[in-house]
């Protein structure tokens, strides 16, 4: 392939020199090479943005899990007392889920609103998809909400399984 490019370059130089010797030629390349170079840059950018997005999602999941888990640990005695007085574990789980998912839902709503407002800026990074594409926004929002639900559900279930006797003895 490289031999072909070198031979093509020499032939092109000779042909142009025969037509007009004053014309300078900087670099001769094939159209395939030009297209490959033009396509490679956006592909690399998309790859790195995807990796950074996945990393941000993982960090977000760990952060949500940590905050909700810390809250559940701090409120362990409260959950024990409530369960001892007759509260259902299902209600405790629902309350912990609601407390963890409310800020997440507000954040996703703010992100979607920000995407709609900054659509013209984001548009230059997208190919074949509008920044206001409903399916893309819904998929992103559902992914974030699903990840947040997973991160919140683990400590919520642990809160619902609190043993009242152990929780009351701990303090």
N, C-alpha and C. Protein backbone atom coordinates (compact mmCIF):
# COMPACT_ATOMS: atom_id res chain seq x y z
N UNK A 1 0.84 -1.20 0.00
CA UNK A 1 0.00 0.00 0.00
C UNK A 1 0.88 1.26 0.00
N UNK A 2 1.90 1.24 0.88
CA UNK A 2 2.80 2.40 0.95
C UNK A 2 3.55 2.57 -0.37
N UNK A 3 3.92 1.46 -1.01
CA UNK A 3 4.61 1.51 -2.30
C UNK A 3 3.72 2.20 -3.33
N UNK A 4 2.43 1.86 -3.30
CA UNK A 4 1.48 2.46 -4.24
C UNK A 4 1.41 3.98 -4.02
N UNK A 5 1.36 4.40 -2.73
CA UNK A 5 1.28 5.83 -2.42
C UNK A 5 2.54 6.57 -2.90
N UNK A 6 3.73 5.94 -2.71
CA UNK A 6 4.97 6.58 -3.14
C UNK A 6 5.01 6.69 -4.66
N UNK A 7 4.64 5.62 -5.35
CA UNK A 7 4.62 5.65 -6.81
C UNK A 7 3.61 6.64 -7.34
N UNK A 8 2.46 6.71 -6.70
CA UNK A 8 1.42 7.65 -7.09
C UNK A 8 1.88 9.09 -6.86
N UNK A 9 2.58 9.31 -5.77
CA UNK A 9 3.09 10.64 -5.47
C UNK A 9 4.10 11.10 -6.49
N UNK A 10 5.02 10.22 -6.86
CA UNK A 10 6.03 10.57 -7.86
C UNK A 10 5.39 10.83 -9.22
N UNK A 11 4.43 10.00 -9.58
CA UNK A 11 3.74 10.19 -10.85
C UNK A 11 2.95 11.50 -10.87
N UNK A 12 2.33 11.84 -9.74
CA UNK A 12 1.57 13.08 -9.66
C UNK A 12 2.51 14.29 -9.76
N UNK A 13 3.63 14.22 -9.05
CA UNK A 13 4.61 15.31 -9.13
C UNK A 13 5.09 15.51 -10.58
N UNK A 14 5.38 14.39 -11.24
CA UNK A 14 5.88 14.47 -12.62
C UNK A 14 4.82 15.05 -13.54
N UNK A 15 3.56 14.62 -13.39
CA UNK A 15 2.49 15.11 -14.25
C UNK A 15 2.26 16.60 -14.05
N UNK A 16 2.24 17.04 -12.79
CA UNK A 16 2.02 18.47 -12.52
C UNK A 16 3.22 19.27 -13.01
N UNK A 17 4.44 18.75 -12.84
CA UNK A 17 5.64 19.45 -13.30
C UNK A 17 5.64 19.60 -14.82
N UNK A 18 5.12 18.59 -15.53
CA UNK A 18 5.03 18.68 -16.98
C UNK A 18 4.05 19.76 -17.42
N UNK A 19 2.97 19.94 -16.65
CA UNK A 19 1.97 20.94 -17.00
C UNK A 19 2.47 22.35 -16.65
N UNK A 20 2.95 22.53 -15.42
CA UNK A 20 3.44 23.84 -14.99
C UNK A 20 4.49 23.62 -13.91
N UNK A 21 5.71 23.92 -14.19
CA UNK A 21 6.82 23.66 -13.27
C UNK A 21 6.81 24.59 -12.07
N UNK A 22 6.06 25.69 -12.11
CA UNK A 22 6.03 26.64 -11.00
C UNK A 22 5.07 26.23 -9.88
N UNK A 23 4.21 25.24 -10.11
CA UNK A 23 3.23 24.82 -9.11
C UNK A 23 3.93 23.95 -8.07
N UNK A 24 3.72 24.30 -6.81
CA UNK A 24 4.32 23.53 -5.72
C UNK A 24 3.30 22.51 -5.20
N UNK A 25 3.78 21.31 -4.94
CA UNK A 25 2.92 20.25 -4.39
C UNK A 25 3.48 19.88 -3.03
N UNK A 26 2.63 19.98 -2.02
CA UNK A 26 3.08 19.70 -0.66
C UNK A 26 3.05 18.23 -0.33
N UNK A 27 1.91 17.62 -0.49
CA UNK A 27 1.77 16.23 -0.10
C UNK A 27 0.72 15.59 -0.99
N UNK A 28 1.03 14.41 -1.47
CA UNK A 28 0.09 13.66 -2.30
C UNK A 28 -0.41 12.49 -1.47
N UNK A 29 -1.71 12.33 -1.44
CA UNK A 29 -2.30 11.23 -0.69
C UNK A 29 -3.56 10.77 -1.40
N UNK A 30 -4.04 9.62 -1.00
CA UNK A 30 -5.25 9.09 -1.62
C UNK A 30 -6.48 9.64 -0.91
N UNK A 31 -7.60 9.57 -1.59
CA UNK A 31 -8.86 10.01 -1.00
C UNK A 31 -9.22 9.12 0.18
N UNK A 32 -8.89 7.84 0.10
CA UNK A 32 -9.15 6.93 1.22
C UNK A 32 -8.43 7.40 2.49
N UNK A 33 -7.18 7.84 2.34
CA UNK A 33 -6.42 8.32 3.49
C UNK A 33 -7.03 9.60 4.06
N UNK A 34 -7.51 10.48 3.19
CA UNK A 34 -8.14 11.73 3.65
C UNK A 34 -9.44 11.41 4.41
N UNK A 35 -10.24 10.52 3.86
CA UNK A 35 -11.50 10.15 4.52
C UNK A 35 -11.22 9.46 5.85
N UNK A 36 -10.24 8.56 5.88
CA UNK A 36 -9.91 7.85 7.12
C UNK A 36 -9.46 8.83 8.20
N UNK A 37 -8.66 9.82 7.82
CA UNK A 37 -8.21 10.83 8.80
C UNK A 37 -9.37 11.69 9.28
N UNK A 38 -10.29 12.01 8.38
CA UNK A 38 -11.43 12.84 8.76
C UNK A 38 -12.39 12.09 9.67
N UNK A 39 -12.52 10.80 9.50
CA UNK A 39 -13.44 9.99 10.30
C UNK A 39 -12.81 9.59 11.63
N UNK A 40 -11.50 9.43 11.66
CA UNK A 40 -10.83 8.93 12.86
C UNK A 40 -10.96 9.88 14.04
N UNK A 41 -10.85 11.17 13.80
CA UNK A 41 -10.91 12.14 14.90
C UNK A 41 -12.25 12.12 15.64
N UNK A 42 -13.39 12.20 14.95
CA UNK A 42 -14.66 12.13 15.68
C UNK A 42 -14.87 10.77 16.37
N UNK A 43 -14.37 9.69 15.78
CA UNK A 43 -14.51 8.38 16.42
C UNK A 43 -13.72 8.33 17.72
N UNK A 44 -12.51 8.87 17.70
CA UNK A 44 -11.72 8.92 18.92
C UNK A 44 -12.40 9.78 19.97
N UNK A 45 -12.93 10.92 19.55
CA UNK A 45 -13.62 11.80 20.49
C UNK A 45 -14.83 11.10 21.09
N UNK A 46 -15.62 10.42 20.26
CA UNK A 46 -16.78 9.69 20.77
C UNK A 46 -16.38 8.59 21.74
N UNK A 47 -15.29 7.89 21.42
CA UNK A 47 -14.83 6.81 22.30
C UNK A 47 -14.46 7.37 23.67
N UNK A 48 -13.66 8.44 23.69
CA UNK A 48 -13.23 8.99 24.97
C UNK A 48 -14.39 9.62 25.73
N UNK A 49 -15.31 10.26 25.03
CA UNK A 49 -16.49 10.79 25.70
C UNK A 49 -17.35 9.67 26.28
N UNK A 50 -17.45 8.55 25.57
CA UNK A 50 -18.20 7.40 26.09
C UNK A 50 -17.53 6.83 27.33
N UNK A 51 -16.21 6.71 27.30
CA UNK A 51 -15.49 6.21 28.48
C UNK A 51 -15.68 7.15 29.66
N UNK A 52 -15.55 8.46 29.41
CA UNK A 52 -15.74 9.42 30.49
C UNK A 52 -17.18 9.41 31.00
N UNK A 53 -18.15 9.24 30.10
CA UNK A 53 -19.54 9.16 30.52
C UNK A 53 -19.81 7.93 31.38
N UNK A 54 -19.24 6.79 31.00
CA UNK A 54 -19.40 5.57 31.80
C UNK A 54 -18.73 5.73 33.16
N UNK A 55 -17.57 6.36 33.18
CA UNK A 55 -16.88 6.60 34.44
C UNK A 55 -17.69 7.53 35.33
N UNK A 56 -18.28 8.56 34.75
CA UNK A 56 -19.13 9.48 35.51
C UNK A 56 -20.35 8.76 36.07
N UNK A 57 -20.93 7.85 35.28
CA UNK A 57 -22.08 7.08 35.76
C UNK A 57 -21.69 6.21 36.96
N UNK A 58 -20.55 5.54 36.87
CA UNK A 58 -20.09 4.70 37.98
C UNK A 58 -19.83 5.53 39.22
N UNK A 59 -19.17 6.68 39.04
CA UNK A 59 -18.91 7.56 40.18
C UNK A 59 -20.22 8.06 40.78
N UNK A 60 -21.19 8.37 39.93
CA UNK A 60 -22.50 8.80 40.42
C UNK A 60 -23.21 7.71 41.20
N UNK A 61 -23.14 6.48 40.71
CA UNK A 61 -23.77 5.36 41.42
C UNK A 61 -23.13 5.18 42.79
N UNK A 62 -21.80 5.21 42.82
CA UNK A 62 -21.10 5.05 44.09
C UNK A 62 -21.44 6.19 45.04
N UNK A 63 -21.53 7.41 44.52
CA UNK A 63 -21.88 8.55 45.35
C UNK A 63 -23.28 8.46 45.93
N UNK A 64 -24.24 8.10 45.09
CA UNK A 64 -25.62 7.97 45.57
C UNK A 64 -25.70 6.85 46.61
N UNK A 65 -25.08 5.72 46.31
CA UNK A 65 -25.09 4.60 47.25
C UNK A 65 -24.48 5.03 48.59
N UNK A 66 -23.37 5.75 48.53
CA UNK A 66 -22.68 6.15 49.75
C UNK A 66 -23.53 7.09 50.60
N UNK A 67 -24.14 8.08 49.98
CA UNK A 67 -24.95 9.05 50.72
C UNK A 67 -26.17 8.38 51.34
N UNK A 68 -26.87 7.57 50.56
CA UNK A 68 -28.08 6.90 51.08
C UNK A 68 -27.69 5.88 52.15
N UNK A 69 -26.61 5.15 51.94
CA UNK A 69 -26.16 4.18 52.93
C UNK A 69 -25.77 4.86 54.24
N UNK A 70 -25.09 5.99 54.13
CA UNK A 70 -24.73 6.74 55.33
C UNK A 70 -25.98 7.21 56.07
N UNK A 71 -26.96 7.70 55.32
CA UNK A 71 -28.21 8.15 55.92
C UNK A 71 -28.93 7.01 56.63
N UNK A 72 -28.95 5.84 55.99
CA UNK A 72 -29.61 4.67 56.59
C UNK A 72 -28.88 4.25 57.87
N UNK A 73 -27.56 4.28 57.84
CA UNK A 73 -26.78 3.90 59.02
C UNK A 73 -27.05 4.87 60.17
N UNK A 74 -27.11 6.16 59.86
CA UNK A 74 -27.37 7.16 60.90
C UNK A 74 -28.79 7.02 61.48
N UNK A 75 -29.72 6.55 60.68
CA UNK A 75 -31.12 6.46 61.12
C UNK A 75 -31.50 5.05 61.55
N UNK A 76 -30.52 4.21 61.77
CA UNK A 76 -30.80 2.81 62.11
C UNK A 76 -31.67 2.68 63.37
N UNK A 77 -31.37 3.46 64.39
CA UNK A 77 -32.17 3.41 65.63
C UNK A 77 -33.60 3.84 65.35
N UNK A 78 -33.76 4.89 64.56
CA UNK A 78 -35.12 5.35 64.21
C UNK A 78 -35.90 4.24 63.51
N UNK A 79 -35.24 3.58 62.56
CA UNK A 79 -35.93 2.49 61.85
C UNK A 79 -36.28 1.36 62.80
N UNK A 80 -35.38 1.07 63.74
CA UNK A 80 -35.65 0.01 64.72
C UNK A 80 -36.85 0.35 65.59
N UNK A 81 -36.94 1.59 66.05
CA UNK A 81 -38.07 2.02 66.88
C UNK A 81 -39.36 1.95 66.07
N UNK A 82 -39.33 2.46 64.86
CA UNK A 82 -40.54 2.45 64.03
C UNK A 82 -41.01 1.04 63.74
N UNK A 83 -40.06 0.14 63.45
CA UNK A 83 -40.43 -1.25 63.20
C UNK A 83 -40.97 -1.90 64.46
N UNK A 84 -40.39 -1.57 65.62
CA UNK A 84 -40.87 -2.13 66.90
C UNK A 84 -42.27 -1.64 67.21
N UNK A 85 -42.60 -0.43 66.77
CA UNK A 85 -43.93 0.12 67.02
C UNK A 85 -44.97 -0.28 65.98
N UNK A 86 -44.55 -1.07 64.99
CA UNK A 86 -45.52 -1.60 64.04
C UNK A 86 -45.42 -1.09 62.62
N UNK A 87 -44.44 -0.28 62.31
CA UNK A 87 -44.29 0.19 60.92
C UNK A 87 -43.89 -1.01 60.05
N UNK A 88 -44.39 -1.01 58.84
CA UNK A 88 -44.05 -2.12 57.94
C UNK A 88 -42.69 -1.88 57.29
N UNK A 89 -41.93 -2.95 57.08
CA UNK A 89 -40.65 -2.80 56.38
C UNK A 89 -40.82 -2.19 54.99
N UNK A 90 -41.94 -2.51 54.33
CA UNK A 90 -42.20 -1.97 53.00
C UNK A 90 -42.29 -0.44 53.02
N UNK A 91 -42.92 0.10 54.08
CA UNK A 91 -43.03 1.55 54.19
C UNK A 91 -41.66 2.20 54.40
N UNK A 92 -40.83 1.57 55.22
CA UNK A 92 -39.48 2.09 55.46
C UNK A 92 -38.69 2.11 54.14
N UNK A 93 -38.79 1.02 53.40
CA UNK A 93 -38.08 0.93 52.11
C UNK A 93 -38.57 2.02 51.17
N UNK A 94 -39.89 2.22 51.09
CA UNK A 94 -40.45 3.27 50.23
C UNK A 94 -39.95 4.65 50.61
N UNK A 95 -39.89 4.94 51.91
CA UNK A 95 -39.44 6.26 52.35
C UNK A 95 -37.96 6.49 52.03
N UNK A 96 -37.14 5.46 52.22
CA UNK A 96 -35.72 5.60 51.91
C UNK A 96 -35.54 5.77 50.40
N UNK A 97 -36.28 4.99 49.61
CA UNK A 97 -36.21 5.13 48.15
C UNK A 97 -36.63 6.53 47.72
N UNK A 98 -37.72 7.02 48.28
CA UNK A 98 -38.19 8.36 47.91
C UNK A 98 -37.16 9.42 48.28
N UNK A 99 -36.56 9.28 49.46
CA UNK A 99 -35.55 10.24 49.89
C UNK A 99 -34.32 10.23 49.01
N UNK A 100 -33.96 9.07 48.46
CA UNK A 100 -32.80 8.99 47.60
C UNK A 100 -33.08 9.36 46.16
N UNK A 101 -34.30 9.06 45.71
CA UNK A 101 -34.62 9.30 44.30
C UNK A 101 -35.11 10.71 44.00
N UNK A 102 -35.59 11.42 45.00
CA UNK A 102 -36.07 12.78 44.77
C UNK A 102 -34.95 13.70 44.24
N UNK A 103 -33.79 13.76 44.91
CA UNK A 103 -32.73 14.61 44.36
C UNK A 103 -32.24 14.11 43.00
N UNK A 104 -32.24 12.80 42.82
CA UNK A 104 -31.82 12.24 41.53
C UNK A 104 -32.78 12.66 40.42
N UNK A 105 -34.08 12.57 40.68
CA UNK A 105 -35.07 12.99 39.69
C UNK A 105 -34.96 14.46 39.35
N UNK A 106 -34.72 15.29 40.36
CA UNK A 106 -34.54 16.72 40.11
C UNK A 106 -33.28 16.97 39.27
N UNK A 107 -32.22 16.21 39.56
CA UNK A 107 -30.98 16.35 38.79
C UNK A 107 -31.15 15.94 37.34
N UNK A 108 -31.87 14.84 37.11
CA UNK A 108 -32.12 14.38 35.73
C UNK A 108 -32.98 15.41 35.00
N UNK A 109 -33.99 15.94 35.67
CA UNK A 109 -34.84 16.97 35.04
C UNK A 109 -34.02 18.21 34.70
N UNK A 110 -33.12 18.61 35.59
CA UNK A 110 -32.26 19.77 35.31
C UNK A 110 -31.31 19.46 34.15
N UNK A 111 -30.82 18.23 34.08
CA UNK A 111 -29.93 17.85 32.98
C UNK A 111 -30.64 17.86 31.64
N UNK A 112 -31.86 17.36 31.60
CA UNK A 112 -32.63 17.37 30.35
C UNK A 112 -32.94 18.80 29.94
N UNK A 113 -33.31 19.63 30.91
CA UNK A 113 -33.57 21.05 30.61
C UNK A 113 -32.30 21.73 30.10
N UNK A 114 -31.17 21.44 30.72
CA UNK A 114 -29.90 22.01 30.27
C UNK A 114 -29.55 21.57 28.86
N UNK A 115 -29.83 20.31 28.54
CA UNK A 115 -29.58 19.80 27.20
C UNK A 115 -30.44 20.52 26.18
N UNK A 116 -31.68 20.76 26.51
CA UNK A 116 -32.57 21.46 25.58
C UNK A 116 -32.13 22.91 25.39
N UNK A 117 -31.65 23.54 26.46
CA UNK A 117 -31.22 24.94 26.37
C UNK A 117 -29.91 25.06 25.60
N UNK A 118 -28.99 24.14 25.85
CA UNK A 118 -27.66 24.20 25.21
C UNK A 118 -27.57 23.34 23.96
N UNK A 119 -28.69 23.04 23.35
CA UNK A 119 -28.73 22.15 22.19
C UNK A 119 -27.85 22.60 21.04
N UNK A 120 -27.78 23.89 20.78
CA UNK A 120 -26.96 24.36 19.65
C UNK A 120 -25.48 24.14 19.89
N UNK A 121 -25.04 24.22 21.14
CA UNK A 121 -23.64 23.98 21.47
C UNK A 121 -23.32 22.49 21.35
N UNK A 122 -24.22 21.66 21.81
CA UNK A 122 -24.01 20.21 21.79
C UNK A 122 -24.11 19.67 20.37
N UNK A 123 -24.85 20.35 19.52
CA UNK A 123 -25.13 19.86 18.18
C UNK A 123 -23.88 19.56 17.36
N UNK A 124 -22.81 20.30 17.56
CA UNK A 124 -21.61 20.07 16.75
C UNK A 124 -20.89 18.78 17.12
N UNK A 125 -21.21 18.18 18.26
CA UNK A 125 -20.60 16.92 18.66
C UNK A 125 -21.43 15.71 18.23
N UNK A 126 -22.61 15.96 17.71
CA UNK A 126 -23.52 14.88 17.35
C UNK A 126 -23.56 14.70 15.84
N UNK A 127 -23.70 13.45 15.42
CA UNK A 127 -23.82 13.17 14.00
C UNK A 127 -25.04 12.30 13.79
N UNK A 128 -25.99 12.79 13.06
CA UNK A 128 -27.18 12.02 12.74
C UNK A 128 -28.23 12.00 13.85
N UNK A 129 -28.01 12.76 14.92
CA UNK A 129 -28.96 12.82 16.03
C UNK A 129 -29.10 14.27 16.44
N UNK A 130 -30.32 14.70 16.59
CA UNK A 130 -30.56 16.07 17.06
C UNK A 130 -30.38 16.12 18.57
N UNK A 131 -29.91 17.23 19.12
CA UNK A 131 -29.74 17.32 20.57
C UNK A 131 -31.07 17.25 21.33
N UNK A 132 -32.16 17.47 20.62
CA UNK A 132 -33.47 17.39 21.26
C UNK A 132 -34.19 16.09 20.92
N UNK A 133 -33.45 15.08 20.46
CA UNK A 133 -34.03 13.79 20.11
C UNK A 133 -34.66 13.16 21.35
N UNK A 134 -35.96 12.96 21.30
CA UNK A 134 -36.70 12.47 22.46
C UNK A 134 -36.24 11.08 22.88
N UNK A 135 -35.96 10.20 21.93
CA UNK A 135 -35.53 8.84 22.28
C UNK A 135 -34.18 8.86 22.99
N UNK A 136 -33.26 9.68 22.54
CA UNK A 136 -31.94 9.77 23.18
C UNK A 136 -32.05 10.35 24.58
N UNK A 137 -32.82 11.41 24.72
CA UNK A 137 -33.00 12.01 26.04
C UNK A 137 -33.70 11.05 27.00
N UNK A 138 -34.71 10.34 26.50
CA UNK A 138 -35.42 9.39 27.35
C UNK A 138 -34.51 8.23 27.75
N UNK A 139 -33.69 7.76 26.83
CA UNK A 139 -32.76 6.67 27.15
C UNK A 139 -31.74 7.11 28.20
N UNK A 140 -31.20 8.30 28.03
CA UNK A 140 -30.23 8.81 29.00
C UNK A 140 -30.87 8.99 30.37
N UNK A 141 -32.06 9.58 30.40
CA UNK A 141 -32.76 9.80 31.67
C UNK A 141 -33.11 8.47 32.33
N UNK A 142 -33.57 7.51 31.54
CA UNK A 142 -33.92 6.20 32.10
C UNK A 142 -32.68 5.48 32.62
N UNK A 143 -31.56 5.61 31.93
CA UNK A 143 -30.32 5.00 32.40
C UNK A 143 -29.90 5.60 33.73
N UNK A 144 -29.94 6.91 33.84
CA UNK A 144 -29.56 7.56 35.09
C UNK A 144 -30.52 7.21 36.22
N UNK A 145 -31.81 7.23 35.93
CA UNK A 145 -32.79 6.88 36.97
C UNK A 145 -32.68 5.42 37.39
N UNK A 146 -32.44 4.54 36.42
CA UNK A 146 -32.26 3.12 36.74
C UNK A 146 -31.03 2.88 37.59
N UNK A 147 -29.94 3.54 37.24
CA UNK A 147 -28.71 3.40 38.04
C UNK A 147 -28.93 3.96 39.44
N UNK A 148 -29.61 5.09 39.53
CA UNK A 148 -29.91 5.67 40.84
C UNK A 148 -30.83 4.81 41.66
N UNK A 149 -31.81 4.20 41.01
CA UNK A 149 -32.71 3.28 41.72
C UNK A 149 -31.94 2.09 42.28
N UNK A 150 -31.04 1.55 41.47
CA UNK A 150 -30.21 0.44 41.93
C UNK A 150 -29.35 0.85 43.12
N UNK A 151 -28.72 2.03 43.01
CA UNK A 151 -27.84 2.50 44.08
C UNK A 151 -28.60 2.82 45.36
N UNK A 152 -29.85 3.21 45.23
CA UNK A 152 -30.67 3.55 46.39
C UNK A 152 -31.36 2.33 46.98
N UNK A 153 -31.66 1.34 46.14
CA UNK A 153 -32.42 0.17 46.58
C UNK A 153 -31.64 -0.67 47.59
N UNK A 154 -30.35 -0.79 47.41
CA UNK A 154 -29.56 -1.65 48.31
C UNK A 154 -29.64 -1.15 49.75
N UNK A 155 -29.32 0.12 50.03
CA UNK A 155 -29.47 0.57 51.43
C UNK A 155 -30.92 0.63 51.89
N UNK A 156 -31.86 0.86 50.96
CA UNK A 156 -33.27 0.90 51.35
C UNK A 156 -33.74 -0.46 51.83
N UNK A 157 -33.34 -1.49 51.13
CA UNK A 157 -33.72 -2.85 51.55
C UNK A 157 -33.06 -3.18 52.88
N UNK A 158 -31.81 -2.75 53.06
CA UNK A 158 -31.13 -2.97 54.34
C UNK A 158 -31.88 -2.25 55.46
N UNK A 159 -32.41 -1.06 55.19
CA UNK A 159 -33.18 -0.33 56.20
C UNK A 159 -34.45 -1.07 56.56
N UNK A 160 -35.09 -1.67 55.54
CA UNK A 160 -36.31 -2.41 55.80
C UNK A 160 -36.08 -3.70 56.57
N UNK A 161 -34.87 -4.22 56.51
CA UNK A 161 -34.54 -5.47 57.22
C UNK A 161 -33.89 -5.22 58.58
N UNK A 162 -33.95 -3.99 59.05
CA UNK A 162 -33.37 -3.67 60.35
C UNK A 162 -34.04 -4.49 61.43
N UNK A 163 -33.23 -5.13 62.25
CA UNK A 163 -33.76 -5.88 63.40
C UNK A 163 -33.97 -4.90 64.54
N UNK A 164 -35.22 -4.71 64.98
CA UNK A 164 -35.50 -3.71 66.02
C UNK A 164 -34.70 -3.95 67.30
N UNK A 165 -34.54 -5.18 67.71
CA UNK A 165 -33.82 -5.47 68.95
C UNK A 165 -32.34 -5.07 68.84
N UNK A 166 -31.71 -5.41 67.73
CA UNK A 166 -30.30 -5.06 67.55
C UNK A 166 -30.13 -3.55 67.46
N UNK A 167 -31.05 -2.90 66.76
CA UNK A 167 -30.95 -1.46 66.59
C UNK A 167 -31.12 -0.74 67.94
N UNK A 168 -32.03 -1.21 68.78
CA UNK A 168 -32.26 -0.57 70.08
C UNK A 168 -31.13 -0.87 71.05
N UNK A 169 -30.53 -2.04 70.96
CA UNK A 169 -29.41 -2.38 71.85
C UNK A 169 -28.13 -1.64 71.47
N UNK A 170 -28.02 -1.26 70.22
CA UNK A 170 -26.79 -0.62 69.74
C UNK A 170 -26.58 0.75 70.41
N UNK A 171 -27.64 1.42 70.79
CA UNK A 171 -27.49 2.75 71.40
C UNK A 171 -27.53 2.67 72.87
